[in-house]
Structure formats: structure tokens, C-alpha cells
Amino acid sequence: MTDWIKKTIDDGVVNYINPEFEKILDGTESSPTPTLNSDAPKPDATEIALDLKRVKAHEAKRYLAETDWYASRKAETGKAIPDDVLAKRVQARIDAEG
């Protein structure tokens, strides 16, 4: 188990820190700069296209769920669904099928 170091700052607040980070807290050493893994596999055009298709389908399903109340209202009260919503829902159903 690590023995924590007790540090009291000027305003009286007491902090307990891991000794590995004491120099970073004191400002005598900076924290390591994170690096990107350049060896990580990069997606190819097919994977990107598939991902975009999934996103489009997800957004379409979300739109359908958000506008389902229009259909319920129509069934219960007979009030018409706005034409723009109907048109977008048609496209959303096509997009959702992917």
C-alpha cells in the first residue's frame, strides 16, 4: 500500500496525495503528455460508409419515435398529420431500413 503524503496548502486545506504525483503537484515536474497510438488500425472506406449508414438509420429511428405521437393523435382525434412530417416520416422509414 502506498503511504500518502499529507500536504497543507496556504488556506489550511489538507490534501493527501500519492507520492508518485508529488512533483507534479509542486510544479517541479509536468504530467506526461498523452500520445496517440499511431499503430491503431484506421477504418477503411467500407467501414466508414457502414458507420455512416448506421448513424443515418439511428437518426431516422429517433425521428420516427419523436413523431409517433402524431400518428396516435390522428388515430384518437382524427386531426391530420402535417404534410412535412408525413414526408419526413416516409424518408425516415426508408433510411431506418438501411
N, C-alpha and C. Protein backbone atom coordinates (compact mmCIF):
# COMPACT_ATOMS: atom_id res chain seq x y z
N MET A 1 0.84 -1.18 0.00
CA MET A 1 0.00 0.00 0.00
C MET A 1 0.89 1.24 0.00
N THR A 2 0.51 2.21 -0.74
CA THR A 2 1.26 3.46 -0.84
C THR A 2 1.02 4.31 0.39
N ASP A 3 2.09 4.87 0.91
CA ASP A 3 1.94 5.83 2.01
C ASP A 3 1.67 7.20 1.40
N TRP A 4 0.52 7.75 1.73
CA TRP A 4 0.12 9.03 1.18
C TRP A 4 0.86 10.15 1.88
N ILE A 5 1.11 11.21 1.14
CA ILE A 5 1.79 12.37 1.68
C ILE A 5 0.74 13.41 2.04
N LYS A 6 0.88 13.97 3.24
CA LYS A 6 -0.05 14.99 3.70
C LYS A 6 0.51 16.35 3.29
N LYS A 7 -0.30 17.12 2.55
CA LYS A 7 0.10 18.47 2.13
C LYS A 7 -0.96 19.45 2.60
N THR A 8 -0.54 20.49 3.28
CA THR A 8 -1.46 21.54 3.71
C THR A 8 -1.16 22.77 2.88
N ILE A 9 -2.15 23.30 2.19
CA ILE A 9 -1.92 24.49 1.37
C ILE A 9 -2.20 25.73 2.20
N ASP A 10 -1.86 26.90 1.65
CA ASP A 10 -1.89 28.16 2.38
C ASP A 10 -3.21 28.45 3.09
N ASP A 11 -4.33 28.07 2.49
CA ASP A 11 -5.62 28.39 3.11
C ASP A 11 -6.04 27.36 4.16
N GLY A 12 -5.15 26.42 4.49
CA GLY A 12 -5.42 25.45 5.53
C GLY A 12 -6.05 24.15 5.07
N VAL A 13 -6.32 24.04 3.79
CA VAL A 13 -6.92 22.81 3.26
C VAL A 13 -5.85 21.72 3.24
N VAL A 14 -6.19 20.56 3.75
CA VAL A 14 -5.26 19.44 3.81
C VAL A 14 -5.57 18.48 2.67
N ASN A 15 -4.54 18.11 1.92
CA ASN A 15 -4.66 17.14 0.82
C ASN A 15 -3.75 15.97 1.10
N TYR A 16 -4.20 14.79 0.75
CA TYR A 16 -3.37 13.60 0.81
C TYR A 16 -3.13 13.15 -0.61
N ILE A 17 -1.87 13.04 -0.99
CA ILE A 17 -1.56 12.71 -2.38
C ILE A 17 -0.64 11.49 -2.46
N ASN A 18 -0.71 10.84 -3.58
CA ASN A 18 0.16 9.72 -3.88
C ASN A 18 1.56 10.29 -4.13
N PRO A 19 2.60 9.71 -3.54
CA PRO A 19 3.95 10.27 -3.71
C PRO A 19 4.41 10.29 -5.17
N GLU A 20 3.83 9.46 -6.01
CA GLU A 20 4.21 9.47 -7.43
C GLU A 20 3.86 10.80 -8.10
N PHE A 21 2.89 11.50 -7.54
CA PHE A 21 2.42 12.74 -8.15
C PHE A 21 2.84 13.98 -7.39
N GLU A 22 3.70 13.83 -6.39
CA GLU A 22 4.11 14.96 -5.57
C GLU A 22 4.81 16.05 -6.40
N LYS A 23 5.69 15.65 -7.30
CA LYS A 23 6.42 16.63 -8.10
C LYS A 23 5.49 17.35 -9.07
N ILE A 24 4.49 16.67 -9.55
CA ILE A 24 3.51 17.31 -10.45
C ILE A 24 2.71 18.35 -9.66
N LEU A 25 2.29 18.00 -8.45
CA LEU A 25 1.54 18.93 -7.61
C LEU A 25 2.39 20.14 -7.24
N ASP A 26 3.67 19.91 -6.93
CA ASP A 26 4.56 21.01 -6.56
C ASP A 26 4.95 21.88 -7.75
N GLY A 27 4.72 21.37 -8.96
CA GLY A 27 5.08 22.11 -10.15
C GLY A 27 6.52 21.90 -10.59
N THR A 28 7.23 20.96 -9.96
CA THR A 28 8.62 20.70 -10.35
C THR A 28 8.71 19.68 -11.48
N GLU A 29 7.59 19.07 -11.82
CA GLU A 29 7.56 18.11 -12.93
C GLU A 29 6.19 18.21 -13.59
N SER A 30 6.19 18.14 -14.90
CA SER A 30 4.90 18.21 -15.59
C SER A 30 4.34 16.81 -15.79
N SER A 31 3.03 16.76 -15.95
CA SER A 31 2.41 15.47 -16.20
C SER A 31 2.75 15.03 -17.62
N PRO A 32 2.81 13.74 -17.85
CA PRO A 32 3.17 13.26 -19.19
C PRO A 32 2.12 13.67 -20.22
N THR A 33 2.59 14.00 -21.40
CA THR A 33 1.69 14.37 -22.48
C THR A 33 1.17 13.10 -23.12
N PRO A 34 -0.14 12.96 -23.20
CA PRO A 34 -0.69 11.75 -23.83
C PRO A 34 -0.35 11.73 -25.32
N THR A 35 -0.08 10.55 -25.81
CA THR A 35 0.24 10.41 -27.23
C THR A 35 -0.79 9.51 -27.89
N LEU A 36 -1.04 9.76 -29.13
CA LEU A 36 -1.95 8.92 -29.89
C LEU A 36 -1.22 7.67 -30.34
N ASN A 37 -1.93 6.58 -30.36
CA ASN A 37 -1.34 5.33 -30.81
C ASN A 37 -1.36 5.31 -32.34
N SER A 38 -0.22 5.57 -32.93
CA SER A 38 -0.16 5.62 -34.39
C SER A 38 -0.27 4.23 -35.02
N ASP A 39 -0.13 3.20 -34.21
CA ASP A 39 -0.24 1.83 -34.71
C ASP A 39 -1.69 1.34 -34.72
N ALA A 40 -2.60 2.15 -34.17
CA ALA A 40 -4.00 1.73 -34.12
C ALA A 40 -4.55 1.60 -35.53
N PRO A 41 -5.36 0.58 -35.77
CA PRO A 41 -5.91 0.41 -37.11
C PRO A 41 -6.84 1.56 -37.49
N LYS A 42 -6.75 1.97 -38.71
CA LYS A 42 -7.59 3.05 -39.22
C LYS A 42 -8.71 2.45 -40.07
N PRO A 43 -9.92 3.01 -39.93
CA PRO A 43 -11.03 2.44 -40.69
C PRO A 43 -10.85 2.68 -42.19
N ASP A 44 -11.26 1.70 -42.99
CA ASP A 44 -11.20 1.87 -44.44
C ASP A 44 -12.52 2.49 -44.91
N ALA A 45 -12.61 2.76 -46.19
CA ALA A 45 -13.78 3.43 -46.76
C ALA A 45 -15.06 2.62 -46.52
N THR A 46 -14.98 1.30 -46.58
CA THR A 46 -16.16 0.46 -46.36
C THR A 46 -16.66 0.59 -44.93
N GLU A 47 -15.74 0.57 -43.96
CA GLU A 47 -16.13 0.70 -42.56
C GLU A 47 -16.74 2.08 -42.28
N ILE A 48 -16.17 3.10 -42.88
CA ILE A 48 -16.71 4.45 -42.70
C ILE A 48 -18.11 4.54 -43.28
N ALA A 49 -18.30 3.99 -44.48
CA ALA A 49 -19.62 4.01 -45.12
C ALA A 49 -20.65 3.26 -44.28
N LEU A 50 -20.26 2.10 -43.74
CA LEU A 50 -21.16 1.32 -42.87
C LEU A 50 -21.53 2.11 -41.62
N ASP A 51 -20.54 2.77 -41.05
CA ASP A 51 -20.79 3.55 -39.84
C ASP A 51 -21.75 4.71 -40.13
N LEU A 52 -21.54 5.38 -41.24
CA LEU A 52 -22.43 6.48 -41.62
C LEU A 52 -23.86 5.98 -41.86
N LYS A 53 -23.96 4.79 -42.44
CA LYS A 53 -25.28 4.19 -42.69
C LYS A 53 -25.98 3.88 -41.37
N ARG A 54 -25.21 3.38 -40.39
CA ARG A 54 -25.77 3.08 -39.07
C ARG A 54 -26.24 4.36 -38.38
N VAL A 55 -25.45 5.41 -38.49
CA VAL A 55 -25.82 6.68 -37.88
C VAL A 55 -27.10 7.22 -38.51
N LYS A 56 -27.17 7.15 -39.83
CA LYS A 56 -28.36 7.63 -40.54
C LYS A 56 -29.60 6.83 -40.12
N ALA A 57 -29.46 5.52 -39.99
CA ALA A 57 -30.58 4.67 -39.57
C ALA A 57 -31.00 5.00 -38.14
N HIS A 58 -30.01 5.22 -37.28
CA HIS A 58 -30.32 5.56 -35.88
C HIS A 58 -31.07 6.89 -35.81
N GLU A 59 -30.60 7.88 -36.56
CA GLU A 59 -31.28 9.19 -36.56
C GLU A 59 -32.71 9.08 -37.11
N ALA A 60 -32.88 8.24 -38.13
CA ALA A 60 -34.22 8.04 -38.71
C ALA A 60 -35.15 7.40 -37.69
N LYS A 61 -34.66 6.39 -36.98
CA LYS A 61 -35.49 5.73 -35.96
C LYS A 61 -35.83 6.68 -34.82
N ARG A 62 -34.87 7.53 -34.48
CA ARG A 62 -35.11 8.52 -33.43
C ARG A 62 -36.21 9.50 -33.88
N TYR A 63 -36.13 9.95 -35.14
CA TYR A 63 -37.15 10.87 -35.66
C TYR A 63 -38.53 10.22 -35.66
N LEU A 64 -38.58 8.98 -36.07
CA LEU A 64 -39.86 8.26 -36.06
C LEU A 64 -40.43 8.17 -34.64
N ALA A 65 -39.57 7.85 -33.69
CA ALA A 65 -40.03 7.75 -32.30
C ALA A 65 -40.52 9.10 -31.78
N GLU A 66 -39.80 10.17 -32.15
CA GLU A 66 -40.18 11.51 -31.69
C GLU A 66 -41.49 11.99 -32.31
N THR A 67 -41.84 11.48 -33.47
CA THR A 67 -43.05 11.96 -34.15
C THR A 67 -44.18 10.94 -34.14
N ASP A 68 -44.00 9.84 -33.44
CA ASP A 68 -45.07 8.84 -33.33
C ASP A 68 -46.34 9.41 -32.71
N TRP A 69 -46.21 10.42 -31.89
CA TRP A 69 -47.39 10.99 -31.24
C TRP A 69 -48.37 11.57 -32.26
N TYR A 70 -47.84 12.00 -33.43
CA TYR A 70 -48.75 12.49 -34.47
C TYR A 70 -49.70 11.38 -34.91
N ALA A 71 -49.16 10.18 -35.08
CA ALA A 71 -49.99 9.05 -35.51
C ALA A 71 -51.01 8.70 -34.44
N SER A 72 -50.60 8.75 -33.18
CA SER A 72 -51.53 8.47 -32.08
C SER A 72 -52.64 9.52 -32.05
N ARG A 73 -52.23 10.76 -32.21
CA ARG A 73 -53.23 11.85 -32.20
C ARG A 73 -54.22 11.66 -33.34
N LYS A 74 -53.70 11.30 -34.52
CA LYS A 74 -54.55 11.07 -35.70
C LYS A 74 -55.56 9.96 -35.42
N ALA A 75 -55.07 8.87 -34.82
CA ALA A 75 -55.94 7.73 -34.54
C ALA A 75 -57.00 8.07 -33.49
N GLU A 76 -56.62 8.87 -32.50
CA GLU A 76 -57.54 9.17 -31.41
C GLU A 76 -58.49 10.32 -31.71
N THR A 77 -58.00 11.34 -32.41
CA THR A 77 -58.82 12.54 -32.59
C THR A 77 -59.19 12.83 -34.04
N GLY A 78 -58.48 12.18 -34.97
CA GLY A 78 -58.75 12.42 -36.38
C GLY A 78 -58.02 13.64 -36.93
N LYS A 79 -57.26 14.35 -36.08
CA LYS A 79 -56.53 15.53 -36.54
C LYS A 79 -55.40 15.10 -37.47
N ALA A 80 -55.29 15.78 -38.59
CA ALA A 80 -54.32 15.40 -39.63
C ALA A 80 -52.87 15.59 -39.17
N ILE A 81 -52.01 14.75 -39.72
CA ILE A 81 -50.56 14.88 -39.52
C ILE A 81 -50.07 15.88 -40.56
N PRO A 82 -49.26 16.88 -40.15
CA PRO A 82 -48.77 17.86 -41.12
C PRO A 82 -48.03 17.18 -42.27
N ASP A 83 -48.21 17.74 -43.48
CA ASP A 83 -47.61 17.15 -44.69
C ASP A 83 -46.10 17.02 -44.59
N ASP A 84 -45.42 18.04 -44.03
CA ASP A 84 -43.96 17.96 -43.93
C ASP A 84 -43.52 16.82 -43.02
N VAL A 85 -44.28 16.59 -41.95
CA VAL A 85 -43.96 15.49 -41.04
C VAL A 85 -44.20 14.15 -41.74
N LEU A 86 -45.31 14.04 -42.47
CA LEU A 86 -45.58 12.81 -43.22
C LEU A 86 -44.46 12.50 -44.20
N ALA A 87 -44.00 13.53 -44.93
CA ALA A 87 -42.94 13.33 -45.92
C ALA A 87 -41.64 12.91 -45.25
N LYS A 88 -41.31 13.55 -44.14
CA LYS A 88 -40.07 13.20 -43.43
C LYS A 88 -40.16 11.79 -42.83
N ARG A 89 -41.34 11.41 -42.38
CA ARG A 89 -41.51 10.07 -41.82
C ARG A 89 -41.36 9.00 -42.90
N VAL A 90 -41.84 9.28 -44.11
CA VAL A 90 -41.66 8.34 -45.23
C VAL A 90 -40.18 8.13 -45.47
N GLN A 91 -39.42 9.23 -45.55
CA GLN A 91 -37.98 9.13 -45.78
C GLN A 91 -37.28 8.46 -44.60
N ALA A 92 -37.74 8.76 -43.40
CA ALA A 92 -37.14 8.15 -42.22
C ALA A 92 -37.32 6.63 -42.21
N ARG A 93 -38.50 6.17 -42.63
CA ARG A 93 -38.71 4.71 -42.71
C ARG A 93 -37.77 4.07 -43.72
N ILE A 94 -37.52 4.74 -44.83
CA ILE A 94 -36.59 4.23 -45.84
C ILE A 94 -35.18 4.19 -45.25
N ASP A 95 -34.78 5.28 -44.59
CA ASP A 95 -33.44 5.37 -44.02
C ASP A 95 -33.24 4.38 -42.89
N ALA A 96 -34.30 4.14 -42.11
CA ALA A 96 -34.20 3.24 -40.97
C ALA A 96 -33.96 1.79 -41.39
N GLU A 97 -34.45 1.44 -42.56
CA GLU A 97 -34.25 0.07 -43.06
C GLU A 97 -32.80 -0.16 -43.45
N GLY A 98 -32.12 0.92 -43.78
CA GLY A 98 -30.70 0.85 -44.11
C GLY A 98 -30.47 0.07 -45.34
